[in-house]
Amino acid sequence: MSAETRIWVAEASGARADAYLASISDYTRSQIQKWIKNGALLVNGIAVKPNTIIKKDDLIKLTVPETEQLEVVPQDIPIDIVYEDEALCVINKPKGLVVHPAAGNPDGTLVNALLYHFSSLSTIGGAIRPGIVHRIDKDTSGLLVVAKNDFAHEKLAKQFADHSARRTYLCIVHGNLKEDFGTVDAPIGRHPTDRKKMAVVKDGREAVTHWQVIARYGDMTFLRVKLETGRTHQIRVHMAYIKHPIAGDPLYGSKAPRLGLESQALHGYRLDLIHPISDKHMTFYAPLPEDMTTALKRLSPDGILPTWEED
């Protein structure tokens, strides 16, 4: 049976391993206990028991067996390769492309395209997620790094787990933010009544989002957003939480289409990471998608796109 390996860096001390994993994942405690008893959990490289106490900064690696077998086949789907070498490739994922197969999306995904375009991908994610180190929502565009071998995958996954890999986004939000920059520090977890959504909840996982205004357009604002943590739907949830939902976001904002947007106006335009082989710092960029460019031109009185400085 194929399996998926998930990696975390513990953010707190004192909890049992089974309880801690249940709190940071979508798995039940009973599922996790069963997997741990079968040797699926390593903490700092050592197999542990369900009652092992987790300490802050522990490296946690859980191997999750696949419960649904999907035949993943290579498909000739065009992909925008920003960078490629023997260890990794960086993809500019378009809106509308699902990252990996799942129920309801058995094919036509980025993984199907990767299998067609590359002869070697890491196996850590199992047969359904070869090469996939991190994910981007279906209707969010932007940069995504893919590992070509298991060594690169583990090194890259640790960077995302400890937040040393940095992701920067551009987005258009509703409303006029009064300040030029700010931070949203609010824990995120599964929505208490809608399992398809995430929400700011008291017992959620730490989530920190930094934002900076690039341009104001009356009742809309163009932002640069940096993730300090990487929770599911983090930017979308945090911007809605401060009453400035992302334009075009049907889940957390208005369902009414506006400005010609195809979906949420959120784009991962910059990715910083350390190369797993050379240990060199690398920075990648991806231009704004067409629908966001069109929206900004419609918002601007002179039809000119705003510019911003890099730090």
Protein backbone atom coordinates (compact mmCIF):
# COMPACT_ATOMS: atom_id res chain seq x y z
CA MET A 1 0.00 0.00 0.00
CA SER A 2 1.35 3.43 -0.90
CA ALA A 3 1.71 5.93 1.91
CA GLU A 4 2.19 9.62 2.55
CA THR A 5 4.81 11.02 4.91
CA ARG A 6 3.95 14.25 6.70
CA ILE A 7 6.51 16.32 8.58
CA TRP A 8 6.05 18.93 11.32
CA VAL A 9 8.23 20.82 13.77
CA ALA A 10 6.56 20.91 17.19
CA GLU A 11 5.48 24.38 18.26
CA ALA A 12 4.87 23.56 21.92
CA SER A 13 5.86 21.13 24.68
CA GLY A 14 3.90 18.93 27.07
CA ALA A 15 1.32 17.07 24.98
CA ARG A 16 1.21 13.33 24.28
CA ALA A 17 2.24 12.43 20.74
CA ASP A 18 -1.21 11.09 19.78
CA ALA A 19 -3.03 14.11 21.23
CA TYR A 20 -0.62 16.59 19.67
CA LEU A 21 -0.95 15.09 16.19
CA ALA A 22 -4.74 15.03 16.49
CA SER A 23 -4.67 18.75 17.33
CA ILE A 24 -2.56 19.76 14.31
CA SER A 25 -4.04 17.47 11.66
CA ASP A 26 -7.39 16.28 10.33
CA TYR A 27 -6.82 12.74 11.64
CA THR A 28 -8.63 11.34 14.68
CA ARG A 29 -6.74 10.37 17.80
CA SER A 30 -7.80 6.73 17.40
CA GLN A 31 -6.46 6.64 13.81
CA ILE A 32 -3.18 8.15 14.96
CA GLN A 33 -2.82 5.70 17.85
CA LYS A 34 -3.27 2.76 15.48
CA TRP A 35 -0.63 4.11 13.07
CA ILE A 36 1.81 4.84 15.89
CA LYS A 37 1.48 1.30 17.22
CA ASN A 38 2.42 0.09 13.73
CA GLY A 39 5.61 2.18 13.84
CA ALA A 40 4.35 5.06 11.69
CA LEU A 41 5.61 7.90 13.92
CA LEU A 42 9.21 9.05 14.25
CA VAL A 43 10.22 11.88 16.59
CA ASN A 44 13.72 13.13 15.88
CA GLY A 45 14.27 9.96 13.87
CA ILE A 46 13.23 7.56 16.64
CA ALA A 47 10.02 5.47 16.73
CA VAL A 48 7.88 6.45 19.73
CA LYS A 49 4.72 5.39 21.57
CA PRO A 50 1.36 7.20 21.64
CA ASN A 51 2.04 8.53 25.16
CA THR A 52 5.48 9.96 24.33
CA ILE A 53 5.62 13.60 25.43
CA ILE A 54 6.34 16.03 22.60
CA LYS A 55 8.86 18.82 23.17
CA LYS A 56 9.07 22.15 21.37
CA ASP A 57 11.11 21.96 18.12
CA ASP A 58 10.87 18.15 17.92
CA LEU A 59 10.94 16.95 14.30
CA ILE A 60 7.82 14.84 13.83
CA LYS A 61 7.45 12.48 10.88
CA LEU A 62 4.21 10.52 10.42
CA THR A 63 3.70 7.94 7.69
CA VAL A 64 0.01 7.82 6.78
CA PRO A 65 -1.26 4.81 4.79
CA GLU A 66 -3.40 5.65 1.79
CA THR A 67 -7.00 4.61 2.42
CA GLU A 68 -8.11 5.11 -1.18
CA GLN A 69 -6.19 3.67 -4.10
CA LEU A 70 -6.20 5.90 -7.16
CA GLU A 71 -4.41 5.11 -10.38
CA VAL A 72 -2.41 8.20 -11.16
CA VAL A 73 -1.41 8.37 -14.80
CA PRO A 74 0.84 10.83 -16.66
CA GLN A 75 -1.12 13.44 -18.62
CA ASP A 76 0.16 15.95 -21.15
CA ILE A 77 -0.97 19.04 -19.22
CA PRO A 78 1.12 22.18 -19.87
CA ILE A 79 2.97 23.54 -16.86
CA ASP A 80 4.96 26.74 -16.40
CA ILE A 81 8.42 25.70 -15.17
CA VAL A 82 10.15 28.67 -13.54
CA TYR A 83 13.32 26.76 -12.58
CA GLU A 84 14.60 23.19 -12.79
CA ASP A 85 17.73 21.23 -11.81
CA GLU A 86 18.53 17.67 -10.73
CA ALA A 87 17.05 18.12 -7.23
CA LEU A 88 13.95 20.26 -7.67
CA CYS A 89 11.76 22.28 -9.96
CA VAL A 90 9.68 25.38 -9.26
CA ILE A 91 6.28 25.62 -10.93
CA ASN A 92 4.04 28.65 -11.45
CA LYS A 93 0.68 26.95 -10.85
CA PRO A 94 -2.28 28.52 -12.65
CA LYS A 95 -5.68 29.08 -11.10
CA GLY A 96 -8.05 26.16 -11.47
CA LEU A 97 -5.40 23.44 -11.34
CA VAL A 98 -5.71 21.01 -8.42
CA VAL A 99 -2.32 20.00 -6.98
CA HIS A 100 -2.90 16.25 -6.51
CA PRO A 101 -5.62 13.64 -7.14
CA ALA A 102 -8.31 13.09 -4.53
CA ALA A 103 -11.95 12.14 -4.35
CA GLY A 104 -13.75 14.23 -6.96
CA ASN A 105 -10.50 15.05 -8.79
CA PRO A 106 -9.05 11.70 -9.94
CA ASP A 107 -7.01 13.24 -12.77
CA GLY A 108 -6.21 16.49 -14.56
CA THR A 109 -4.06 17.59 -11.63
CA LEU A 110 -0.57 19.02 -11.31
CA VAL A 111 0.68 15.57 -10.24
CA ASN A 112 -0.60 14.06 -13.50
CA ALA A 113 1.31 16.76 -15.36
CA LEU A 114 4.48 16.22 -13.30
CA LEU A 115 4.46 12.50 -14.05
CA TYR A 116 4.33 13.32 -17.77
CA HIS A 117 7.06 15.97 -17.75
CA PHE A 118 9.57 14.49 -15.27
CA SER A 119 11.11 11.03 -15.12
CA SER A 120 12.11 11.35 -11.46
CA LEU A 121 10.04 12.60 -8.51
CA SER A 122 10.34 12.00 -4.77
CA THR A 123 8.34 9.10 -3.34
CA ILE A 124 7.76 10.44 0.18
CA GLY A 125 4.26 11.69 -0.65
CA GLY A 126 3.21 8.26 -1.92
CA ALA A 127 1.76 7.36 -5.30
CA ILE A 128 -0.83 10.14 -5.20
CA ARG A 129 1.53 12.98 -4.24
CA PRO A 130 4.91 12.29 -5.86
CA GLY A 131 7.22 15.28 -5.52
CA ILE A 132 4.67 17.41 -3.66
CA VAL A 133 6.34 19.25 -0.78
CA HIS A 134 3.63 21.85 -0.11
CA ARG A 135 0.30 22.83 -1.62
CA ILE A 136 -1.59 25.79 -3.03
CA ASP A 137 -5.37 26.05 -3.17
CA LYS A 138 -6.97 25.08 -6.48
CA ASP A 139 -8.05 28.65 -7.24
CA THR A 140 -4.89 30.35 -5.98
CA SER A 141 -2.08 30.81 -8.48
CA GLY A 142 1.63 31.01 -7.83
CA LEU A 143 4.90 29.34 -7.01
CA LEU A 144 5.21 25.78 -5.80
CA VAL A 145 8.42 23.77 -5.36
CA VAL A 146 8.54 20.09 -6.38
CA ALA A 147 11.16 17.62 -5.13
CA LYS A 148 12.78 15.23 -7.60
CA ASN A 149 14.20 12.86 -5.00
CA ASP A 150 13.57 11.89 -1.38
CA PHE A 151 16.67 13.62 0.00
CA ALA A 152 15.61 16.95 -1.51
CA HIS A 153 12.03 16.39 -0.35
CA GLU A 154 13.01 15.89 3.30
CA LYS A 155 15.28 18.94 3.30
CA LEU A 156 12.64 21.14 1.67
CA ALA A 157 9.81 19.82 3.84
CA LYS A 158 11.77 20.73 6.97
CA GLN A 159 12.14 24.30 5.68
CA PHE A 160 8.38 24.62 5.27
CA ALA A 161 7.82 22.98 8.66
CA ASP A 162 10.15 25.36 10.51
CA HIS A 163 9.08 28.35 8.36
CA SER A 164 12.57 29.06 6.99
CA ALA A 165 11.15 28.74 3.47
CA ARG A 166 9.35 32.04 2.83
CA ARG A 167 6.27 32.59 0.69
CA THR A 168 5.07 36.04 -0.34
CA TYR A 169 1.71 36.74 -1.96
CA LEU A 170 -0.06 39.59 -3.73
CA CYS A 171 -3.78 40.06 -3.23
CA ILE A 172 -6.66 42.46 -3.73
CA VAL A 173 -8.96 42.87 -0.73
CA HIS A 174 -12.22 44.62 -0.02
CA GLY A 175 -12.12 47.86 1.94
CA ASN A 176 -9.49 50.50 2.68
CA LEU A 177 -7.04 49.45 5.37
CA LYS A 178 -6.24 52.44 7.58
CA GLU A 179 -2.63 51.50 8.29
CA ASP A 180 0.14 51.02 5.74
CA PHE A 181 1.18 47.68 7.21
CA GLY A 182 0.18 45.30 9.96
CA THR A 183 0.15 41.77 11.32
CA VAL A 184 -2.68 39.34 11.97
CA ASP A 185 -1.76 36.96 14.81
CA ALA A 186 -4.77 34.70 15.31
CA PRO A 187 -4.94 30.88 15.63
CA ILE A 188 -6.57 28.93 12.81
CA GLY A 189 -8.42 25.63 12.97
CA ARG A 190 -11.28 23.80 11.32
CA HIS A 191 -14.51 25.82 11.23
CA PRO A 192 -16.78 24.61 14.07
CA THR A 193 -19.81 24.03 11.81
CA ASP A 194 -18.57 24.01 8.20
CA ARG A 195 -15.89 21.35 7.61
CA LYS A 196 -15.04 22.83 4.21
CA LYS A 197 -13.84 26.04 5.84
CA MET A 198 -11.13 27.10 8.25
CA ALA A 199 -11.64 29.81 10.86
CA VAL A 200 -9.98 31.77 13.62
CA VAL A 201 -10.67 29.61 16.68
CA LYS A 202 -9.44 29.75 20.26
CA ASP A 203 -7.82 26.30 20.24
CA GLY A 204 -6.45 26.55 16.68
CA ARG A 205 -2.82 26.40 15.57
CA GLU A 206 -0.66 29.50 15.71
CA ALA A 207 -1.03 31.56 12.53
CA VAL A 208 0.78 34.82 11.74
CA THR A 209 0.29 36.88 8.58
CA HIS A 210 2.10 40.14 7.77
CA TRP A 211 0.56 42.55 5.25
CA GLN A 212 1.67 45.78 3.59
CA VAL A 213 -0.36 48.16 1.42
CA ILE A 214 0.90 48.61 -2.13
CA ALA A 215 -1.97 50.74 -3.49
CA ARG A 216 -5.42 51.95 -2.40
CA TYR A 217 -8.44 52.19 -4.71
CA GLY A 218 -11.21 53.57 -2.55
CA ASP A 219 -13.15 50.50 -1.47
CA MET A 220 -10.41 48.06 -2.58
CA THR A 221 -6.76 47.68 -1.54
CA PHE A 222 -3.80 45.91 -3.19
CA LEU A 223 -1.54 44.15 -0.65
CA ARG A 224 1.72 42.29 -0.35
CA VAL A 225 1.36 39.52 2.22
CA LYS A 226 4.06 37.43 3.89
CA LEU A 227 3.34 34.17 5.67
CA GLU A 228 5.17 33.54 8.93
CA THR A 229 3.25 30.27 9.31
CA GLY A 230 1.55 28.15 6.66
CA ARG A 231 -1.94 27.11 7.73
CA THR A 232 -4.66 25.95 5.36
CA HIS A 233 -6.38 28.99 3.73
CA GLN A 234 -4.37 31.21 6.10
CA ILE A 235 -4.37 34.46 4.12
CA ARG A 236 -8.00 34.05 3.09
CA VAL A 237 -9.09 33.37 6.67
CA HIS A 238 -7.03 36.16 8.22
CA MET A 239 -8.10 38.84 5.76
CA ALA A 240 -11.76 37.89 6.24
CA TYR A 241 -11.18 37.93 10.02
CA ILE A 242 -10.08 41.59 9.92
CA LYS A 243 -13.09 42.42 7.72
CA HIS A 244 -11.08 42.78 4.49
CA PRO A 245 -11.84 39.55 2.58
CA ILE A 246 -9.99 38.81 -0.62
CA ALA A 247 -11.80 39.95 -3.75
CA GLY A 248 -13.38 37.11 -5.70
CA ASP A 249 -13.20 34.63 -2.80
CA PRO A 250 -16.54 32.76 -2.78
CA LEU A 251 -15.78 30.85 0.42
CA TYR A 252 -14.72 33.64 2.77
CA GLY A 253 -15.96 36.74 0.96
CA SER A 254 -18.60 37.84 -1.51
CA LYS A 255 -19.91 35.33 -4.04
CA ALA A 256 -20.75 38.15 -6.48
CA PRO A 257 -18.19 38.33 -9.33
CA ARG A 258 -16.38 41.63 -9.75
CA LEU A 259 -13.58 43.20 -11.78
CA GLY A 260 -13.44 40.23 -14.15
CA LEU A 261 -11.83 38.00 -11.53
CA GLU A 262 -11.98 34.26 -12.17
CA SER A 263 -11.63 33.44 -8.45
CA GLN A 264 -9.91 34.85 -5.38
CA ALA A 265 -7.38 37.57 -6.21
CA LEU A 266 -4.49 35.81 -4.47
CA HIS A 267 -1.17 34.97 -6.11
CA GLY A 268 2.02 33.47 -4.66
CA TYR A 269 4.49 35.65 -6.54
CA ARG A 270 7.69 35.07 -4.54
CA LEU A 271 9.32 31.98 -3.00
CA ASP A 272 12.54 31.98 -0.95
CA LEU A 273 14.27 28.76 0.03
CA ILE A 274 17.64 27.13 0.64
CA HIS A 275 18.67 24.71 -2.10
CA PRO A 276 18.78 21.19 -0.57
CA ILE A 277 22.05 20.29 -2.32
CA SER A 278 24.08 23.50 -2.62
CA ASP A 279 22.69 25.18 0.55
CA LYS A 280 22.47 28.43 -1.44
CA HIS A 281 19.63 30.88 -0.86
CA MET A 282 17.34 31.04 -3.89
CA THR A 283 14.54 33.48 -4.73
CA PHE A 284 11.92 32.90 -7.43
CA TYR A 285 9.22 35.18 -8.85
CA ALA A 286 6.03 34.63 -10.83
CA PRO A 287 4.18 37.44 -12.64
CA LEU A 288 0.59 38.32 -11.76
CA PRO A 289 -2.05 36.23 -13.54
CA GLU A 290 -4.08 37.93 -16.23
CA ASP A 291 -7.31 38.28 -14.24
CA MET A 292 -5.55 40.12 -11.39
CA THR A 293 -3.72 42.36 -13.85
CA THR A 294 -7.04 43.21 -15.52
CA ALA A 295 -8.68 43.88 -12.15
CA LEU A 296 -5.93 46.28 -11.06
CA LYS A 297 -6.08 48.16 -14.36
CA ARG A 298 -9.85 48.55 -13.92
CA LEU A 299 -9.34 49.85 -10.39
CA SER A 300 -6.61 52.33 -11.36
CA PRO A 301 -7.84 55.74 -12.64
CA ASP A 302 -5.11 55.79 -15.27
CA GLY A 303 -5.10 52.06 -15.99
CA ILE A 304 -1.47 51.71 -14.86
CA LEU A 305 -0.34 48.83 -12.67
CA PRO A 306 1.18 49.76 -9.29
CA THR A 307 4.78 48.91 -8.48
CA TRP A 308 6.43 47.88 -5.23
CA GLU A 309 9.90 47.60 -3.80
CA GLU A 310 11.48 44.32 -2.78
CA ASP A 311 13.23 43.99 0.56
